[in-house]
């Protein structure tokens, strides 16, 4: 079964890497209809998350909101299948860096940097763009259960020099990298289960990974939010913001929670403004605080 999965993945990349981005967009439009109307992929999870955050007052009509979410989701994965079109030669055409002075200043400071982002816009291409621009990046990734698929995807992600570290070894490897003035990329917006701390995200207590905060406290690395804002299929505006962190108290738990909250709040601003570009398919609030009633624990 795993061999069939591996062959299927390679076949998809083989097919879609050979068609134009324009054709990819057309196919993504058709696939959006299929996934939204027929397969209805994780529709119950999406709606549960939306109503948990917004109640009955969605920021746009439910039908249109769902369509926009599915379209961004399908665009993202079609773009990943077409990642061969994303090269040093096409970078400036496909991704426009709106405030490059922020990144230029970081390079002048010549120290380790924690680049944080979430499952928003196109986080896959964003990492590739940073490596193309000369950032020595370690990206934290979850290992795929299928070893051959995992190796294939890692090969794609590493094609310009990005270094992949799996979550199990991430803290040790990333701490060393930051002390050696390299950069670490973290997507921090998934449910962290019992390993995380609860902070407010989109009005909900959200179990959130502490790796960003811990690495900052251990190394002093700056934390910089990166956002790839979708403008169209395979077209993005990129924004970078150095996050001003709260004053440290000396209490490790309090400082970790405060830093994690600040990072989450900065990312939330983008999700509030462009909610259709976030990954509502995640069971983001699967882990609930002990204080939440049992009736609420069934959400997602």
C-alpha atoms as a PDB file:
ATOM      1  CA  UNK A   1       0.000   0.000   0.000  1.00  0.00           C
ATOM      2  CA  UNK A   2       2.825   2.394   0.873  1.00  0.00           C
ATOM      3  CA  UNK A   3       4.485   1.664  -2.468  1.00  0.00           C
ATOM      4  CA  UNK A   4       1.265   2.595  -4.270  1.00  0.00           C
ATOM      5  CA  UNK A   5       1.064   5.819  -2.256  1.00  0.00           C
ATOM      6  CA  UNK A   6       4.666   6.666  -3.134  1.00  0.00           C
ATOM      7  CA  UNK A   7       4.142   6.001  -6.847  1.00  0.00           C
ATOM      8  CA  UNK A   8       0.950   8.089  -6.796  1.00  0.00           C
ATOM      9  CA  UNK A   9       2.726  11.047  -5.207  1.00  0.00           C
ATOM     10  CA  UNK A  10       5.577  10.888  -7.712  1.00  0.00           C
ATOM     11  CA  UNK A  11       3.116  10.598 -10.591  1.00  0.00           C
ATOM     12  CA  UNK A  12       1.236  13.709  -9.455  1.00  0.00           C
ATOM     13  CA  UNK A  13       4.465  15.704  -9.301  1.00  0.00           C
ATOM     14  CA  UNK A  14       5.521  14.335 -12.688  1.00  0.00           C
ATOM     15  CA  UNK A  15       2.249  15.392 -14.326  1.00  0.00           C
ATOM     16  CA  UNK A  16       1.734  18.821 -12.794  1.00  0.00           C
ATOM     17  CA  UNK A  17       5.359  19.884 -12.904  1.00  0.00           C
ATOM     18  CA  UNK A  18       5.095  19.707 -16.691  1.00  0.00           C
ATOM     19  CA  UNK A  19       2.104  21.973 -17.189  1.00  0.00           C
ATOM     20  CA  UNK A  20       2.139  25.762 -16.975  1.00  0.00           C
ATOM     21  CA  UNK A  21       1.059  27.731 -13.915  1.00  0.00           C
ATOM     22  CA  UNK A  22      -1.836  29.040 -15.987  1.00  0.00           C
ATOM     23  CA  UNK A  23      -3.018  25.486 -16.668  1.00  0.00           C
ATOM     24  CA  UNK A  24      -2.413  24.604 -13.035  1.00  0.00           C
ATOM     25  CA  UNK A  25      -4.755  27.377 -11.976  1.00  0.00           C
ATOM     26  CA  UNK A  26      -7.481  26.108 -14.305  1.00  0.00           C
ATOM     27  CA  UNK A  27      -7.127  22.571 -12.969  1.00  0.00           C
ATOM     28  CA  UNK A  28      -7.129  23.876  -9.380  1.00  0.00           C
ATOM     29  CA  UNK A  29     -10.430  25.626 -10.082  1.00  0.00           C
ATOM     30  CA  UNK A  30     -12.022  22.372 -11.209  1.00  0.00           C
ATOM     31  CA  UNK A  31     -10.529  20.472  -8.290  1.00  0.00           C
ATOM     32  CA  UNK A  32     -11.899  23.080  -5.866  1.00  0.00           C
ATOM     33  CA  UNK A  33     -15.423  22.345  -7.068  1.00  0.00           C
ATOM     34  CA  UNK A  34     -14.853  18.606  -6.653  1.00  0.00           C
ATOM     35  CA  UNK A  35     -13.416  18.878  -3.147  1.00  0.00           C
ATOM     36  CA  UNK A  36     -15.958  21.468  -2.007  1.00  0.00           C
ATOM     37  CA  UNK A  37     -19.154  20.117  -3.559  1.00  0.00           C
ATOM     38  CA  UNK A  38     -18.604  16.363  -3.900  1.00  0.00           C
ATOM     39  CA  UNK A  39     -15.911  15.189  -1.500  1.00  0.00           C
ATOM     40  CA  UNK A  40     -16.725  17.955   1.014  1.00  0.00           C
ATOM     41  CA  UNK A  41     -13.322  17.414   2.619  1.00  0.00           C
ATOM     42  CA  UNK A  42     -13.463  18.072   6.378  1.00  0.00           C
ATOM     43  CA  UNK A  43     -16.453  20.336   5.901  1.00  0.00           C
ATOM     44  CA  UNK A  44     -17.721  19.548   9.394  1.00  0.00           C
ATOM     45  CA  UNK A  45     -14.361  20.516  10.913  1.00  0.00           C
ATOM     46  CA  UNK A  46     -14.242  23.779   8.953  1.00  0.00           C
ATOM     47  CA  UNK A  47     -17.766  24.772   9.979  1.00  0.00           C
ATOM     48  CA  UNK A  48     -17.190  23.768  13.589  1.00  0.00           C
ATOM     49  CA  UNK A  49     -14.077  25.930  13.736  1.00  0.00           C
ATOM     50  CA  UNK A  50     -15.753  28.883  12.013  1.00  0.00           C
ATOM     51  CA  UNK A  51     -18.748  28.885  14.334  1.00  0.00           C
ATOM     52  CA  UNK A  52     -16.546  28.392  17.383  1.00  0.00           C
ATOM     53  CA  UNK A  53     -14.674  31.579  16.473  1.00  0.00           C
ATOM     54  CA  UNK A  54     -17.459  33.687  14.968  1.00  0.00           C
ATOM     55  CA  UNK A  55     -20.629  32.205  16.415  1.00  0.00           C
ATOM     56  CA  UNK A  56     -23.436  32.810  13.945  1.00  0.00           C
ATOM     57  CA  UNK A  57     -21.953  36.112  12.743  1.00  0.00           C
ATOM     58  CA  UNK A  58     -19.585  34.921  10.024  1.00  0.00           C
ATOM     59  CA  UNK A  59     -17.640  37.725   8.319  1.00  0.00           C
ATOM     60  CA  UNK A  60     -19.175  36.726   4.992  1.00  0.00           C
ATOM     61  CA  UNK A  61     -21.975  34.428   3.797  1.00  0.00           C
ATOM     62  CA  UNK A  62     -21.253  30.809   4.747  1.00  0.00           C
ATOM     63  CA  UNK A  63     -21.391  29.467   1.187  1.00  0.00           C
ATOM     64  CA  UNK A  64     -18.907  32.055  -0.099  1.00  0.00           C
ATOM     65  CA  UNK A  65     -16.667  31.650   2.949  1.00  0.00           C
ATOM     66  CA  UNK A  66     -16.447  27.891   2.452  1.00  0.00           C
ATOM     67  CA  UNK A  67     -15.673  28.317  -1.233  1.00  0.00           C
ATOM     68  CA  UNK A  68     -12.870  30.787  -0.521  1.00  0.00           C
ATOM     69  CA  UNK A  69     -11.348  28.471   2.105  1.00  0.00           C
ATOM     70  CA  UNK A  70     -11.434  25.465  -0.198  1.00  0.00           C
ATOM     71  CA  UNK A  71      -9.997  27.472  -3.088  1.00  0.00           C
ATOM     72  CA  UNK A  72      -7.013  28.615  -1.032  1.00  0.00           C
ATOM     73  CA  UNK A  73      -6.491  25.047   0.208  1.00  0.00           C
ATOM     74  CA  UNK A  74      -6.496  23.560  -3.301  1.00  0.00           C
ATOM     75  CA  UNK A  75      -4.360  26.383  -4.703  1.00  0.00           C
ATOM     76  CA  UNK A  76      -1.768  25.701  -2.006  1.00  0.00           C
ATOM     77  CA  UNK A  77      -1.368  22.012  -2.814  1.00  0.00           C
ATOM     78  CA  UNK A  78      -1.505  22.525  -6.561  1.00  0.00           C
ATOM     79  CA  UNK A  79       1.271  25.108  -6.195  1.00  0.00           C
ATOM     80  CA  UNK A  80       3.279  22.563  -4.218  1.00  0.00           C
ATOM     81  CA  UNK A  81       2.864  20.067  -7.046  1.00  0.00           C
ATOM     82  CA  UNK A  82       4.090  22.794  -9.413  1.00  0.00           C
ATOM     83  CA  UNK A  83       6.989  23.863  -7.214  1.00  0.00           C
ATOM     84  CA  UNK A  84       9.447  23.322 -10.057  1.00  0.00           C
ATOM     85  CA  UNK A  85       8.143  26.627 -11.484  1.00  0.00           C
ATOM     86  CA  UNK A  86       9.392  28.366  -8.328  1.00  0.00           C
ATOM     87  CA  UNK A  87      13.077  29.074  -8.965  1.00  0.00           C
ATOM     88  CA  UNK A  88      15.628  31.849  -8.399  1.00  0.00           C
ATOM     89  CA  UNK A  89      14.750  33.124 -11.864  1.00  0.00           C
ATOM     90  CA  UNK A  90      10.986  33.365 -11.194  1.00  0.00           C
ATOM     91  CA  UNK A  91      11.146  34.450  -7.538  1.00  0.00           C
ATOM     92  CA  UNK A  92      10.641  38.164  -8.151  1.00  0.00           C
ATOM     93  CA  UNK A  93       7.704  37.471 -10.449  1.00  0.00           C
ATOM     94  CA  UNK A  94       5.880  35.129  -8.064  1.00  0.00           C
ATOM     95  CA  UNK A  95       6.713  36.636  -4.670  1.00  0.00           C
ATOM     96  CA  UNK A  96       7.058  40.349  -3.995  1.00  0.00           C
ATOM     97  CA  UNK A  97       8.780  41.279  -0.742  1.00  0.00           C
ATOM     98  CA  UNK A  98       6.925  44.373   0.441  1.00  0.00           C
ATOM     99  CA  UNK A  99       9.298  45.476   3.215  1.00  0.00           C
ATOM    100  CA  UNK A 100      12.712  44.003   2.339  1.00  0.00           C
ATOM    101  CA  UNK A 101      14.435  46.487   4.647  1.00  0.00           C
ATOM    102  CA  UNK A 102      13.382  44.363   7.636  1.00  0.00           C
ATOM    103  CA  UNK A 103      15.240  41.326   6.304  1.00  0.00           C
ATOM    104  CA  UNK A 104      18.186  43.459   5.195  1.00  0.00           C
ATOM    105  CA  UNK A 105      18.584  44.790   8.731  1.00  0.00           C
ATOM    106  CA  UNK A 106      18.498  41.270  10.151  1.00  0.00           C
ATOM    107  CA  UNK A 107      21.304  40.228   7.806  1.00  0.00           C
ATOM    108  CA  UNK A 108      23.401  43.199   8.887  1.00  0.00           C
ATOM    109  CA  UNK A 109      22.944  42.214  12.528  1.00  0.00           C
ATOM    110  CA  UNK A 110      24.380  38.776  11.670  1.00  0.00           C
ATOM    111  CA  UNK A 111      22.733  36.706  14.393  1.00  0.00           C
ATOM    112  CA  UNK A 112      20.387  33.763  14.637  1.00  0.00           C
ATOM    113  CA  UNK A 113      16.784  34.380  13.585  1.00  0.00           C
ATOM    114  CA  UNK A 114      13.574  32.546  14.359  1.00  0.00           C
ATOM    115  CA  UNK A 115      11.229  32.900  11.383  1.00  0.00           C
ATOM    116  CA  UNK A 116       7.702  32.058  12.476  1.00  0.00           C
ATOM    117  CA  UNK A 117       4.644  31.627  10.329  1.00  0.00           C
ATOM    118  CA  UNK A 118       1.539  29.515  10.143  1.00  0.00           C
ATOM    119  CA  UNK A 119      -0.546  27.565   7.678  1.00  0.00           C
ATOM    120  CA  UNK A 120      -1.513  30.705   5.817  1.00  0.00           C
ATOM    121  CA  UNK A 121      -1.211  31.692   2.163  1.00  0.00           C
ATOM    122  CA  UNK A 122       1.613  29.502   0.855  1.00  0.00           C
ATOM    123  CA  UNK A 123       4.018  28.596   3.648  1.00  0.00           C
ATOM    124  CA  UNK A 124       5.817  26.021   1.452  1.00  0.00           C
ATOM    125  CA  UNK A 125       6.922  28.530  -1.175  1.00  0.00           C
ATOM    126  CA  UNK A 126       7.742  31.055   1.540  1.00  0.00           C
ATOM    127  CA  UNK A 127      10.460  28.832   2.979  1.00  0.00           C
ATOM    128  CA  UNK A 128      11.901  28.238  -0.476  1.00  0.00           C
ATOM    129  CA  UNK A 129      11.964  31.988  -1.121  1.00  0.00           C
ATOM    130  CA  UNK A 130      13.988  32.660   2.022  1.00  0.00           C
ATOM    131  CA  UNK A 131      16.579  30.029   1.102  1.00  0.00           C
ATOM    132  CA  UNK A 132      16.884  31.418  -2.425  1.00  0.00           C
ATOM    133  CA  UNK A 133      17.611  34.819  -0.872  1.00  0.00           C
ATOM    134  CA  UNK A 134      20.559  33.381   0.976  1.00  0.00           C
ATOM    135  CA  UNK A 135      19.171  32.523   4.396  1.00  0.00           C
ATOM    136  CA  UNK A 136      20.679  29.316   5.876  1.00  0.00           C
ATOM    137  CA  UNK A 137      17.432  27.851   7.160  1.00  0.00           C
ATOM    138  CA  UNK A 138      16.553  24.845   9.245  1.00  0.00           C
ATOM    139  CA  UNK A 139      12.858  24.008   8.853  1.00  0.00           C
ATOM    140  CA  UNK A 140      11.055  21.931  11.453  1.00  0.00           C
ATOM    141  CA  UNK A 141       8.865  19.253   9.861  1.00  0.00           C
ATOM    142  CA  UNK A 142       6.743  16.344  10.941  1.00  0.00           C
ATOM    143  CA  UNK A 143       7.986  13.040   9.580  1.00  0.00           C
ATOM    144  CA  UNK A 144       5.619  11.292   7.167  1.00  0.00           C
ATOM    145  CA  UNK A 145       4.580   7.754   8.056  1.00  0.00           C
ATOM    146  CA  UNK A 146       5.523   6.575   4.564  1.00  0.00           C
ATOM    147  CA  UNK A 147       9.328   6.652   4.497  1.00  0.00           C
ATOM    148  CA  UNK A 148       9.633   6.841   0.704  1.00  0.00           C
ATOM    149  CA  UNK A 149       7.105   9.672   0.495  1.00  0.00           C
ATOM    150  CA  UNK A 150       8.884  11.451   3.320  1.00  0.00           C
ATOM    151  CA  UNK A 151      12.239  11.174   1.551  1.00  0.00           C
ATOM    152  CA  UNK A 152      10.737  12.405  -1.714  1.00  0.00           C
ATOM    153  CA  UNK A 153       9.096  15.459  -0.121  1.00  0.00           C
ATOM    154  CA  UNK A 154      12.246  16.232   1.872  1.00  0.00           C
ATOM    155  CA  UNK A 155      14.245  16.118  -1.367  1.00  0.00           C
ATOM    156  CA  UNK A 156      11.875  18.661  -2.922  1.00  0.00           C
ATOM    157  CA  UNK A 157      11.994  20.951   0.102  1.00  0.00           C
ATOM    158  CA  UNK A 158      15.795  20.741   0.222  1.00  0.00           C
ATOM    159  CA  UNK A 159      16.464  21.460  -3.450  1.00  0.00           C
ATOM    160  CA  UNK A 160      17.862  24.964  -2.817  1.00  0.00           C
ATOM    161  CA  UNK A 161      19.637  24.114   0.425  1.00  0.00           C
ATOM    162  CA  UNK A 162      16.935  24.168   3.081  1.00  0.00           C
ATOM    163  CA  UNK A 163      17.800  21.799   5.929  1.00  0.00           C
ATOM    164  CA  UNK A 164      14.977  19.727   7.399  1.00  0.00           C
ATOM    165  CA  UNK A 165      14.894  18.647  11.029  1.00  0.00           C
ATOM    166  CA  UNK A 166      12.149  16.441  12.429  1.00  0.00           C
ATOM    167  CA  UNK A 167      10.250  17.500  15.524  1.00  0.00           C
ATOM    168  CA  UNK A 168      11.836  14.818  17.719  1.00  0.00           C
ATOM    169  CA  UNK A 169      15.330  16.328  17.355  1.00  0.00           C
ATOM    170  CA  UNK A 170      14.301  19.905  16.648  1.00  0.00           C
ATOM    171  CA  UNK A 171      15.190  21.623  19.919  1.00  0.00           C
ATOM    172  CA  UNK A 172      18.773  20.398  20.075  1.00  0.00           C
ATOM    173  CA  UNK A 173      19.514  20.948  16.386  1.00  0.00           C
ATOM    174  CA  UNK A 174      17.811  24.342  16.185  1.00  0.00           C
ATOM    175  CA  UNK A 175      19.422  25.705  19.336  1.00  0.00           C
ATOM    176  CA  UNK A 176      22.833  24.864  17.899  1.00  0.00           C
ATOM    177  CA  UNK A 177      21.925  26.392  14.533  1.00  0.00           C
ATOM    178  CA  UNK A 178      20.765  29.668  16.096  1.00  0.00           C
ATOM    179  CA  UNK A 179      23.947  29.962  18.130  1.00  0.00           C
ATOM    180  CA  UNK A 180      25.853  29.507  14.872  1.00  0.00           C
ATOM    181  CA  UNK A 181      23.951  32.505  13.408  1.00  0.00           C
ATOM    182  CA  UNK A 182      21.684  30.438  11.184  1.00  0.00           C
ATOM    183  CA  UNK A 183      17.906  30.704  10.861  1.00  0.00           C
ATOM    184  CA  UNK A 184      15.094  28.410  11.969  1.00  0.00           C
ATOM    185  CA  UNK A 185      11.638  28.296  10.378  1.00  0.00           C
ATOM    186  CA  UNK A 186       8.657  27.265  12.509  1.00  0.00           C
ATOM    187  CA  UNK A 187       4.959  26.928  11.643  1.00  0.00           C
ATOM    188  CA  UNK A 188       3.491  27.175  15.127  1.00  0.00           C
ATOM    189  CA  UNK A 189      -0.269  27.331  14.628  1.00  0.00           C
ATOM    190  CA  UNK A 190      -1.370  23.704  15.013  1.00  0.00           C
ATOM    191  CA  UNK A 191      -2.775  22.114  18.155  1.00  0.00           C
ATOM    192  CA  UNK A 192       0.173  21.228  20.422  1.00  0.00           C
ATOM    193  CA  UNK A 193      -1.829  18.856  22.635  1.00  0.00           C
ATOM    194  CA  UNK A 194      -0.511  18.461  26.180  1.00  0.00           C
ATOM    195  CA  UNK A 195       2.962  19.683  25.190  1.00  0.00           C
ATOM    196  CA  UNK A 196       1.785  23.236  24.564  1.00  0.00           C
ATOM    197  CA  UNK A 197       0.693  26.184  26.648  1.00  0.00           C
ATOM    198  CA  UNK A 198      -2.758  27.698  26.370  1.00  0.00           C
ATOM    199  CA  UNK A 199      -2.866  31.177  24.884  1.00  0.00           C
ATOM    200  CA  UNK A 200      -5.670  33.182  23.327  1.00  0.00           C
ATOM    201  CA  UNK A 201      -5.938  32.706  19.561  1.00  0.00           C
ATOM    202  CA  UNK A 202      -9.011  33.905  17.676  1.00  0.00           C
ATOM    203  CA  UNK A 203     -10.803  34.283  20.987  1.00  0.00           C
ATOM    204  CA  UNK A 204     -10.241  30.676  22.016  1.00  0.00           C
ATOM    205  CA  UNK A 205      -7.864  29.052  24.532  1.00  0.00           C
ATOM    206  CA  UNK A 206      -5.446  27.326  22.168  1.00  0.00           C
ATOM    207  CA  UNK A 207      -2.766  24.772  22.991  1.00  0.00           C
ATOM    208  CA  UNK A 208       0.276  26.225  21.253  1.00  0.00           C
ATOM    209  CA  UNK A 209       3.823  24.913  20.769  1.00  0.00           C
ATOM    210  CA  UNK A 210       6.432  26.522  23.032  1.00  0.00           C
ATOM    211  CA  UNK A 211       9.462  25.867  20.820  1.00  0.00           C
ATOM    212  CA  UNK A 212       9.670  29.432  19.518  1.00  0.00           C
ATOM    213  CA  UNK A 213       9.667  30.937  22.992  1.00  0.00           C
ATOM    214  CA  UNK A 214      12.093  28.403  24.434  1.00  0.00           C
ATOM    215  CA  UNK A 215      14.582  28.815  21.590  1.00  0.00           C
ATOM    216  CA  UNK A 216      14.424  32.593  21.936  1.00  0.00           C
ATOM    217  CA  UNK A 217      15.066  32.415  25.682  1.00  0.00           C
ATOM    218  CA  UNK A 218      17.994  30.028  25.208  1.00  0.00           C
ATOM    219  CA  UNK A 219      19.691  31.855  22.348  1.00  0.00           C
ATOM    220  CA  UNK A 220      18.436  35.440  22.257  1.00  0.00           C
ATOM    221  CA  UNK A 221      17.471  35.025  18.600  1.00  0.00           C
ATOM    222  CA  UNK A 222      15.049  37.579  17.170  1.00  0.00           C
ATOM    223  CA  UNK A 223      11.552  36.342  16.376  1.00  0.00           C
ATOM    224  CA  UNK A 224      10.316  37.493  12.967  1.00  0.00           C
ATOM    225  CA  UNK A 225       6.832  36.851  11.613  1.00  0.00           C
ATOM    226  CA  UNK A 226       6.742  36.005   7.896  1.00  0.00           C
ATOM    227  CA  UNK A 227       3.515  36.144   5.911  1.00  0.00           C
ATOM    228  CA  UNK A 228       2.969  35.136   2.279  1.00  0.00           C
ATOM    229  CA  UNK A 229      -0.296  36.872   1.419  1.00  0.00           C
ATOM    230  CA  UNK A 230      -2.027  35.355  -1.585  1.00  0.00           C
ATOM    231  CA  UNK A 231      -2.946  37.797  -4.344  1.00  0.00           C
ATOM    232  CA  UNK A 232      -3.800  35.150  -6.945  1.00  0.00           C
ATOM    233  CA  UNK A 233      -2.755  31.657  -7.933  1.00  0.00           C
ATOM    234  CA  UNK A 234       1.056  31.511  -7.547  1.00  0.00           C
ATOM    235  CA  UNK A 235       1.220  35.244  -6.749  1.00  0.00           C
ATOM    236  CA  UNK A 236       2.111  36.489  -3.271  1.00  0.00           C
ATOM    237  CA  UNK A 237       3.082  39.572  -1.342  1.00  0.00           C
ATOM    238  CA  UNK A 238       5.531  38.788   1.466  1.00  0.00           C
ATOM    239  CA  UNK A 239       5.675  40.743   4.706  1.00  0.00           C
ATOM    240  CA  UNK A 240       8.229  40.461   7.509  1.00  0.00           C
ATOM    241  CA  UNK A 241       7.816  41.865  11.011  1.00  0.00           C
ATOM    242  CA  UNK A 242      10.277  41.693  13.878  1.00  0.00           C
ATOM    243  CA  UNK A 243       8.125  40.991  16.915  1.00  0.00           C
ATOM    244  CA  UNK A 244       8.611  43.245  19.912  1.00  0.00           C
ATOM    245  CA  UNK A 245       8.507  40.853  22.852  1.00  0.00           C
ATOM    246  CA  UNK A 246       7.221  41.487  26.375  1.00  0.00           C
ATOM    247  CA  UNK A 247       9.672  42.324  29.132  1.00  0.00           C
ATOM    248  CA  UNK A 248      11.019  39.145  30.708  1.00  0.00           C
ATOM    249  CA  UNK A 249      10.041  38.437  34.307  1.00  0.00           C
ATOM    250  CA  UNK A 250      12.626  35.772  35.078  1.00  0.00           C
ATOM    251  CA  UNK A 251       9.887  33.201  35.635  1.00  0.00           C
ATOM    252  CA  UNK A 252      10.386  30.645  32.862  1.00  0.00           C
ATOM    253  CA  UNK A 253       6.761  29.504  32.609  1.00  0.00           C
ATOM    254  CA  UNK A 254       5.413  33.052  32.607  1.00  0.00           C
ATOM    255  CA  UNK A 255       7.936  34.215  30.026  1.00  0.00           C
ATOM    256  CA  UNK A 256       7.267  31.252  27.723  1.00  0.00           C
ATOM    257  CA  UNK A 257       3.520  31.884  27.911  1.00  0.00           C
ATOM    258  CA  UNK A 258       3.857  35.641  27.360  1.00  0.00           C
ATOM    259  CA  UNK A 259       6.134  35.228  24.330  1.00  0.00           C
ATOM    260  CA  UNK A 260       3.885  32.533  22.837  1.00  0.00           C
ATOM    261  CA  UNK A 261       0.867  34.796  23.337  1.00  0.00           C
ATOM    262  CA  UNK A 262       2.586  37.720  21.630  1.00  0.00           C
ATOM    263  CA  UNK A 263       3.567  35.649  18.599  1.00  0.00           C
ATOM    264  CA  UNK A 264       0.052  34.195  18.359  1.00  0.00           C
ATOM    265  CA  UNK A 265      -1.515  37.643  18.591  1.00  0.00           C
ATOM    266  CA  UNK A 266       0.653  39.012  15.780  1.00  0.00           C
ATOM    267  CA  UNK A 267      -0.241  36.087  13.544  1.00  0.00           C
ATOM    268  CA  UNK A 268      -3.922  36.396  14.467  1.00  0.00           C
ATOM    269  CA  UNK A 269      -4.062  39.893  12.971  1.00  0.00           C
ATOM    270  CA  UNK A 270      -3.461  38.396   9.531  1.00  0.00           C
ATOM    271  CA  UNK A 271      -5.990  35.594  10.025  1.00  0.00           C
ATOM    272  CA  UNK A 272      -8.610  38.121  11.135  1.00  0.00           C
ATOM    273  CA  UNK A 273      -7.955  40.259   8.062  1.00  0.00           C
ATOM    274  CA  UNK A 274      -7.724  37.393   5.538  1.00  0.00           C
ATOM    275  CA  UNK A 275      -9.495  34.429   7.187  1.00  0.00           C
ATOM    276  CA  UNK A 276      -9.962  32.486   3.941  1.00  0.00           C
ATOM    277  CA  UNK A 277      -6.178  32.072   3.673  1.00  0.00           C
ATOM    278  CA  UNK A 278      -5.845  30.135   6.928  1.00  0.00           C
ATOM    279  CA  UNK A 279      -6.057  26.345   7.291  1.00  0.00           C
ATOM    280  CA  UNK A 280      -9.484  25.925   8.901  1.00  0.00           C
ATOM    281  CA  UNK A 281      -9.249  22.180   8.173  1.00  0.00           C
ATOM    282  CA  UNK A 282      -6.949  21.746  11.164  1.00  0.00           C
ATOM    283  CA  UNK A 283      -8.484  20.521  14.397  1.00  0.00           C
ATOM    284  CA  UNK A 284      -6.914  23.560  16.008  1.00  0.00           C
ATOM    285  CA  UNK A 285      -8.937  23.391  19.213  1.00  0.00           C
ATOM    286  CA  UNK A 286      -8.997  19.646  19.750  1.00  0.00           C
ATOM    287  CA  UNK A 287      -7.112  20.060  23.039  1.00  0.00           C
ATOM    288  CA  UNK A 288      -9.149  22.007  25.590  1.00  0.00           C
ATOM    289  CA  UNK A 289      -8.167  23.416  28.981  1.00  0.00           C
ATOM    290  CA  UNK A 290      -9.257  21.428  32.020  1.00  0.00           C
ATOM    291  CA  UNK A 291     -11.499  24.326  33.013  1.00  0.00           C
ATOM    292  CA  UNK A 292     -13.589  23.983  29.850  1.00  0.00           C
ATOM    293  CA  UNK A 293     -16.806  22.093  30.464  1.00  0.00           C
ATOM    294  CA  UNK A 294     -17.120  18.581  29.111  1.00  0.00           C
ATOM    295  CA  UNK A 295     -19.799  19.744  26.716  1.00  0.00           C
ATOM    296  CA  UNK A 296     -17.254  21.993  25.020  1.00  0.00           C
ATOM    297  CA  UNK A 297     -14.530  19.381  24.846  1.00  0.00           C
ATOM    298  CA  UNK A 298     -16.245  17.681  21.946  1.00  0.00           C
ATOM    299  CA  UNK A 299     -15.558  20.623  19.613  1.00  0.00           C
ATOM    300  CA  UNK A 300     -13.622  19.428  16.552  1.00  0.00           C
END
